[in-house]
Amino acid sequence: MKKILIIALSLMLPLCTIAQKKGFKLVEKSGEKPEWVGMGSVKGFIIVQSDKPTLEEVKADAMQKVRTEIAASVATNVMRTVNSYTQKTVENGEANTNATMSIESTSKIAKMPAIQGVSITKADVYHELYKNKKTGEQYYNMYVKYPFSQFDLVELVTAYEKHEQEIDEKIKGFEDGLDNVENVEQVDDAIVALGALCKEIGTDDARYFAVEGLVNRYIAVYDNIIMEIVSNVPEKLTIKLVYNGKTITTSQKPRVKSNCASQFNVKANGDNIVICYNSEYCYEQDDNFVEVSFRFGSKYVKEKAFFKMK
C-alpha cells in the first residue's frame, strides 16, 4: 500500500489571554503567571486555554483540546491510498482493484490509544479562580503547555500508519478467505470479526462500506450451502455439506427427526456426517424418512432422505 508522509509540525493558532468576565474578580491563582500564558505558540509545545466552573471540568476540557490539536497535526500529515475491496473491474479477463486517496479525519485519529492516553501530568499548568460575589458563581481559567515535538509527531504518524496497514491486511485476508471456505465456523468467525472491524473504523472511514460489503458476502455463503446424500442404506444415512462445489465441514450437530425412526446417533467421519438410527417401528408400506437440518446464521439447510425397510 502506497503511503505519503509529509512531516510538518502544525503549530497552533495565536492564543490571546482570555478577558476577565464582567462581575468576576480574581480570588486565587496557582502560582506566578508564566511568560508563555497567552502566547500564540512555542516551538515543541501545544498551548491551550479553557474556562469551566470546576477544576476537574477545566482540566478535562483543556486536555481534550490538547488531544484535538495533536490529532489535527497527525491528520494533516497522513494521506493513504485505500483499496476498495468491494468494487472491482474486469478488463481482458483480469480483475482490477480500485483505489481511492484518503485524507484521515481528526476525530478518527483522536481515538488512537497514544492520544487518548495524553496526560496533564506531562504538562505545565497555570490556573486562576474567579468569583462573582453577588451571584456566588465562579469559574477556573486554565492554561496548559503540553510538550509535542517533531519527533513526537513522526512517532504518532508512524504508529497510526502501522495500525491502518494492519487493518488493510485484515480486510485483504477476509477477502481472500471467501475463496477458501473450509468450514462453517470460519464463516461465523469472519462475520463477527468484520462486524467488530466496522465499529472500530467507523462510518467516516473510506473502507467502512468495503467491510460492510464483506459482511454481506460472508452471510451469503450460508445461502449457498447445500446438503448432499453420500449414501442411504437401512438404519444408516451418510451426508455432507457442500459450498461452491467443495465439501465443507461444521462442528455443529444437525437436528434429526423422522416419521418413524428413533435412537439417532450422529457422528462425524472425515468430511461426512453419519447418522445411525433404529427403524423397528417403521413399516414397509409407509413413506419412511429421516430429515436432517442445520441452522447457519438465519438460514436453514434441510434434506429429507427416504429409506426402504430391510
Protein backbone atom coordinates (compact mmCIF):
# COMPACT_ATOMS: atom_id res chain seq x y z
CA MET A 1 0.00 0.00 0.00
CA LYS A 2 1.42 3.36 -1.06
CA LYS A 3 1.63 5.98 1.60
CA ILE A 4 2.76 9.58 1.54
CA LEU A 5 4.19 11.11 4.69
CA ILE A 6 4.51 14.88 4.92
CA ILE A 7 6.35 15.87 8.09
CA ALA A 8 5.31 19.36 9.11
CA LEU A 9 4.52 20.12 12.72
CA SER A 10 1.31 22.12 12.90
CA LEU A 11 1.70 24.97 15.34
CA MET A 12 -1.34 26.38 16.99
CA LEU A 13 -3.35 29.48 16.16
CA PRO A 14 -2.46 32.57 18.18
CA LEU A 15 -3.75 32.30 21.71
CA CYS A 16 -4.73 35.50 23.45
CA THR A 17 -5.23 35.87 27.16
CA ILE A 18 -8.97 35.50 27.75
CA ALA A 19 -10.59 38.65 29.06
CA GLN A 20 -11.96 38.52 32.60
CA LYS A 21 -15.72 38.04 32.67
CA LYS A 22 -17.78 41.01 33.82
CA GLY A 23 -18.64 40.96 37.53
CA PHE A 24 -15.97 38.35 38.38
CA LYS A 25 -12.82 39.03 40.36
CA LEU A 26 -9.61 37.07 40.62
CA VAL A 27 -9.51 35.39 44.04
CA GLU A 28 -6.89 32.66 43.60
CA LYS A 29 -4.12 31.57 41.27
CA SER A 30 -1.92 28.51 41.17
CA GLY A 31 1.32 30.49 41.21
CA GLU A 32 3.17 33.21 39.39
CA LYS A 33 1.78 33.61 35.87
CA PRO A 34 4.27 32.02 33.40
CA GLU A 35 5.51 34.06 30.47
CA TRP A 36 4.09 31.55 27.97
CA VAL A 37 0.48 32.24 29.08
CA GLY A 38 -1.30 33.96 26.23
CA MET A 39 1.49 33.29 23.72
CA GLY A 40 0.39 32.20 20.26
CA SER A 41 2.84 29.31 20.04
CA VAL A 42 6.05 27.93 21.48
CA LYS A 43 8.15 25.60 19.35
CA GLY A 44 7.83 22.00 20.51
CA PHE A 45 4.74 22.67 22.63
CA ILE A 46 0.97 22.89 22.35
CA ILE A 47 -0.66 25.70 24.33
CA VAL A 48 -4.39 25.71 25.06
CA GLN A 49 -6.78 27.64 27.28
CA SER A 50 -10.07 26.67 28.91
CA ASP A 51 -12.53 28.11 31.41
CA LYS A 52 -15.06 25.98 33.28
CA PRO A 53 -16.97 26.17 36.60
CA THR A 54 -14.91 23.48 38.39
CA LEU A 55 -11.26 22.50 38.48
CA GLU A 56 -11.98 18.96 37.26
CA GLU A 57 -14.05 20.24 34.35
CA VAL A 58 -11.45 22.75 33.25
CA LYS A 59 -8.67 20.14 33.40
CA ALA A 60 -10.72 17.68 31.31
CA ASP A 61 -11.63 20.33 28.73
CA ALA A 62 -8.08 21.63 28.42
CA MET A 63 -6.67 18.13 27.87
CA GLN A 64 -9.34 17.36 25.31
CA LYS A 65 -8.23 20.46 23.42
CA VAL A 66 -4.62 19.22 23.59
CA ARG A 67 -5.67 15.84 22.17
CA THR A 68 -7.62 17.53 19.38
CA GLU A 69 -4.60 19.66 18.46
CA ILE A 70 -2.34 16.59 18.39
CA ALA A 71 -4.85 14.66 16.28
CA ALA A 72 -5.14 17.59 13.84
CA SER A 73 -1.35 17.68 13.43
CA VAL A 74 -1.25 13.94 12.71
CA ALA A 75 -4.23 14.17 10.35
CA THR A 76 -2.60 16.83 8.18
CA ASN A 77 0.49 14.64 7.85
CA VAL A 78 -1.23 11.41 6.80
CA MET A 79 -2.52 10.60 3.34
CA ARG A 80 -3.12 6.98 2.36
CA THR A 81 -4.13 5.04 -0.71
CA VAL A 82 -7.10 2.91 0.34
CA ASN A 83 -8.11 -0.19 -1.60
CA SER A 84 -11.83 -0.63 -2.30
CA TYR A 85 -12.29 -4.36 -1.94
CA THR A 86 -15.97 -4.42 -2.93
CA GLN A 87 -15.65 -2.61 -6.23
CA LYS A 88 -13.71 -4.49 -8.88
CA THR A 89 -13.46 -4.13 -12.63
CA VAL A 90 -12.55 -6.87 -15.08
CA GLU A 91 -10.50 -5.98 -18.13
CA ASN A 92 -9.12 -8.57 -20.55
CA GLY A 93 -10.04 -11.32 -18.11
CA GLU A 94 -8.13 -9.73 -15.20
CA ALA A 95 -9.74 -8.35 -12.04
CA ASN A 96 -8.54 -4.89 -11.04
CA THR A 97 -8.98 -3.42 -7.57
CA ASN A 98 -9.94 0.24 -7.38
CA ALA A 99 -8.13 2.59 -5.04
CA THR A 100 -9.00 5.98 -3.56
CA MET A 101 -6.87 8.55 -1.76
CA SER A 102 -7.96 9.14 1.82
CA ILE A 103 -7.02 12.13 3.99
CA GLU A 104 -7.59 10.97 7.56
CA SER A 105 -10.02 12.79 9.84
CA THR A 106 -9.07 14.42 13.13
CA SER A 107 -11.92 12.72 15.02
CA LYS A 108 -10.80 9.28 13.84
CA ILE A 109 -7.13 9.84 14.73
CA ALA A 110 -8.09 11.24 18.15
CA LYS A 111 -9.27 7.74 19.09
CA MET A 112 -5.69 6.42 18.99
CA PRO A 113 -4.70 4.97 22.41
CA ALA A 114 -1.49 7.03 22.34
CA ILE A 115 -3.52 10.24 22.00
CA GLN A 116 -6.26 9.22 24.42
CA GLY A 117 -3.51 8.47 26.94
CA VAL A 118 -2.19 12.05 26.85
CA SER A 119 -1.99 13.14 30.49
CA ILE A 120 -1.93 16.51 32.22
CA THR A 121 0.94 15.24 34.39
CA LYS A 122 3.30 15.87 31.43
CA ALA A 123 2.19 19.46 31.01
CA ASP A 124 2.98 22.82 32.54
CA VAL A 125 -0.27 24.16 34.02
CA TYR A 126 -1.37 27.52 35.31
CA HIS A 127 -4.87 28.37 36.52
CA GLU A 128 -6.81 31.22 38.09
CA LEU A 129 -10.06 31.18 40.04
CA TYR A 130 -12.61 33.93 39.51
CA LYS A 131 -15.73 34.57 41.62
CA ASN A 132 -18.78 36.77 41.42
CA LYS A 133 -19.69 37.86 44.96
CA LYS A 134 -23.19 38.96 44.01
CA THR A 135 -24.26 35.73 42.30
CA GLY A 136 -21.91 33.27 44.02
CA GLU A 137 -20.80 31.97 40.62
CA GLN A 138 -17.22 31.00 39.92
CA TYR A 139 -15.04 29.70 37.11
CA TYR A 140 -11.49 28.50 36.60
CA ASN A 141 -9.34 29.88 33.80
CA MET A 142 -6.63 27.33 32.92
CA TYR A 143 -3.66 27.40 30.57
CA VAL A 144 -1.84 24.21 29.57
CA LYS A 145 1.55 23.95 27.86
CA TYR A 146 1.98 20.38 26.61
CA PRO A 147 5.27 19.10 25.09
CA PHE A 148 4.83 17.95 21.48
CA SER A 149 7.96 17.85 19.35
CA GLN A 150 8.69 16.97 15.73
CA PHE A 151 9.85 13.56 17.00
CA ASP A 152 6.53 13.04 18.81
CA LEU A 153 4.65 13.86 15.61
CA VAL A 154 6.68 11.44 13.48
CA GLU A 155 6.26 8.73 16.11
CA LEU A 156 2.46 9.13 16.16
CA VAL A 157 2.19 9.27 12.36
CA THR A 158 4.26 6.08 12.10
CA ALA A 159 2.17 4.29 14.75
CA TYR A 160 -1.05 5.37 13.06
CA GLU A 161 0.07 4.23 9.62
CA LYS A 162 1.20 0.88 11.02
CA HIS A 163 -2.21 0.37 12.65
CA GLU A 164 -4.03 1.32 9.43
CA GLN A 165 -1.86 -1.04 7.39
CA GLU A 166 -2.77 -3.85 9.78
CA ILE A 167 -6.45 -3.10 9.15
CA ASP A 168 -5.86 -3.17 5.38
CA GLU A 169 -4.17 -6.56 5.74
CA LYS A 170 -7.10 -7.87 7.79
CA ILE A 171 -9.56 -6.76 5.11
CA LYS A 172 -7.45 -8.39 2.40
CA GLY A 173 -7.30 -11.58 4.47
CA PHE A 174 -11.09 -11.73 4.77
CA GLU A 175 -11.41 -11.03 1.04
CA ASP A 176 -9.11 -13.95 0.25
CA GLY A 177 -10.91 -16.11 2.81
CA LEU A 178 -14.10 -16.06 0.73
CA ASP A 179 -12.35 -18.24 -1.86
CA ASN A 180 -11.11 -20.69 0.78
CA VAL A 181 -14.10 -21.53 2.96
CA GLU A 182 -13.35 -24.90 4.59
CA ASN A 183 -15.88 -24.93 7.43
CA VAL A 184 -18.99 -23.11 8.57
CA GLU A 185 -17.32 -21.81 11.75
CA GLN A 186 -14.83 -19.92 9.57
CA VAL A 187 -17.80 -18.01 8.16
CA ASP A 188 -19.26 -17.42 11.64
CA ASP A 189 -15.95 -16.06 12.93
CA ALA A 190 -15.44 -13.83 9.90
CA ILE A 191 -18.88 -12.23 10.29
CA VAL A 192 -18.25 -11.48 13.98
CA ALA A 193 -14.74 -10.12 13.31
CA LEU A 194 -15.87 -7.96 10.39
CA GLY A 195 -18.75 -6.57 12.46
CA ALA A 196 -16.26 -5.54 15.16
CA LEU A 197 -14.00 -4.03 12.48
CA CYS A 198 -16.91 -1.92 11.17
CA LYS A 199 -17.39 -0.48 14.66
CA GLU A 200 -13.65 0.12 15.06
CA ILE A 201 -13.09 2.07 11.86
CA GLY A 202 -16.44 3.95 11.87
CA THR A 203 -18.55 5.28 9.02
CA ASP A 204 -16.17 8.16 8.25
CA ASP A 205 -13.52 5.66 7.13
CA ALA A 206 -13.27 5.11 3.37
CA ARG A 207 -13.08 1.35 4.00
CA TYR A 208 -16.28 1.10 6.04
CA PHE A 209 -18.55 0.14 3.15
CA ALA A 210 -15.96 -2.32 1.83
CA VAL A 211 -16.01 -4.09 5.21
CA GLU A 212 -19.80 -3.92 5.35
CA GLY A 213 -19.89 -5.46 1.88
CA LEU A 214 -17.66 -8.30 3.03
CA VAL A 215 -20.04 -9.00 5.92
CA ASN A 216 -22.89 -9.40 3.44
CA ARG A 217 -20.79 -11.62 1.20
CA TYR A 218 -19.95 -13.92 4.11
CA ILE A 219 -23.63 -14.03 5.13
CA ALA A 220 -24.43 -15.01 1.54
CA VAL A 221 -22.23 -18.10 1.99
CA TYR A 222 -24.94 -19.53 4.27
CA ASP A 223 -27.47 -19.19 1.43
CA ASN A 224 -25.30 -21.29 -0.87
CA ILE A 225 -24.53 -24.23 1.41
CA ILE A 226 -26.32 -27.38 0.32
CA MET A 227 -26.59 -30.86 1.79
CA GLU A 228 -25.80 -33.90 -0.34
CA ILE A 229 -26.60 -37.55 0.43
CA VAL A 230 -23.44 -39.68 0.18
CA SER A 231 -25.19 -42.97 0.96
CA ASN A 232 -28.59 -44.07 2.21
CA VAL A 233 -28.90 -47.64 3.46
CA PRO A 234 -31.27 -49.06 6.09
CA GLU A 235 -30.53 -47.58 9.53
CA LYS A 236 -27.56 -45.57 8.24
CA LEU A 237 -27.57 -42.26 6.40
CA THR A 238 -24.38 -40.51 5.31
CA ILE A 239 -24.44 -36.85 4.23
CA LYS A 240 -22.02 -34.00 3.51
CA LEU A 241 -22.20 -30.21 3.23
CA VAL A 242 -21.13 -28.54 0.00
CA TYR A 243 -20.36 -24.91 -0.77
CA ASN A 244 -19.26 -23.61 -4.15
CA GLY A 245 -18.71 -27.15 -5.40
CA LYS A 246 -16.43 -28.12 -2.48
CA THR A 247 -17.12 -30.12 0.66
CA ILE A 248 -17.09 -28.09 3.86
CA THR A 249 -17.41 -29.21 7.46
CA THR A 250 -19.03 -27.96 10.65
CA SER A 251 -18.66 -28.71 14.35
CA GLN A 252 -22.41 -28.19 14.68
CA LYS A 253 -24.52 -31.29 15.14
CA PRO A 254 -27.63 -31.44 12.94
CA ARG A 255 -31.17 -31.73 14.14
CA VAL A 256 -32.56 -35.12 13.06
CA LYS A 257 -36.18 -36.25 13.00
CA SER A 258 -38.25 -38.97 11.35
CA ASN A 259 -41.84 -40.10 10.93
CA CYS A 260 -40.95 -43.46 12.50
CA ALA A 261 -37.22 -43.96 13.20
CA SER A 262 -35.68 -43.29 16.63
CA GLN A 263 -32.49 -43.60 18.71
CA PHE A 264 -30.41 -41.38 16.42
CA ASN A 265 -26.62 -41.47 16.70
CA VAL A 266 -24.79 -38.70 14.84
CA LYS A 267 -21.03 -38.82 14.25
CA ALA A 268 -18.53 -37.06 12.01
CA ASN A 269 -16.47 -39.30 9.74
CA GLY A 270 -13.91 -37.17 7.96
CA ASP A 271 -15.82 -34.66 5.82
CA ASN A 272 -19.00 -36.72 6.10
CA ILE A 273 -21.70 -36.92 8.78
CA VAL A 274 -23.01 -40.38 9.58
CA ILE A 275 -26.48 -40.79 11.13
CA CYS A 276 -27.41 -44.21 12.51
CA TYR A 277 -30.92 -44.96 13.75
CA ASN A 278 -33.37 -47.64 14.85
CA SER A 279 -36.15 -48.46 12.35
CA GLU A 280 -38.00 -51.21 14.20
CA TYR A 281 -41.18 -49.11 14.32
CA CYS A 282 -41.13 -48.33 10.61
CA TYR A 283 -43.31 -50.26 8.09
CA GLU A 284 -42.62 -51.28 4.52
CA GLN A 285 -45.85 -49.75 3.17
CA ASP A 286 -45.12 -46.29 4.63
CA ASP A 287 -43.04 -43.45 3.14
CA ASN A 288 -40.32 -43.68 5.76
CA PHE A 289 -37.86 -40.82 6.00
CA VAL A 290 -35.13 -39.17 8.06
CA GLU A 291 -34.96 -35.38 7.90
CA VAL A 292 -31.65 -33.67 8.68
CA SER A 293 -31.39 -29.92 9.22
CA PHE A 294 -28.79 -27.32 10.17
CA ARG A 295 -29.17 -23.66 11.00
CA PHE A 296 -26.37 -21.45 9.72
CA GLY A 297 -26.94 -17.83 10.65
CA SER A 298 -30.60 -17.25 9.80
CA LYS A 299 -30.54 -19.86 7.04
CA TYR A 300 -31.86 -23.44 7.41
CA VAL A 301 -30.31 -26.21 5.32
CA LYS A 302 -32.55 -29.29 5.16
CA GLU A 303 -32.60 -32.65 3.43
CA LYS A 304 -35.24 -35.38 3.66
CA ALA A 305 -33.95 -38.87 2.91
CA PHE A 306 -36.49 -41.62 2.26
CA PHE A 307 -35.47 -45.18 3.05
CA LYS A 308 -36.70 -48.72 2.39
CA MET A 309 -37.03 -51.40 5.03
CA LYS A 310 -34.64 -54.34 5.04
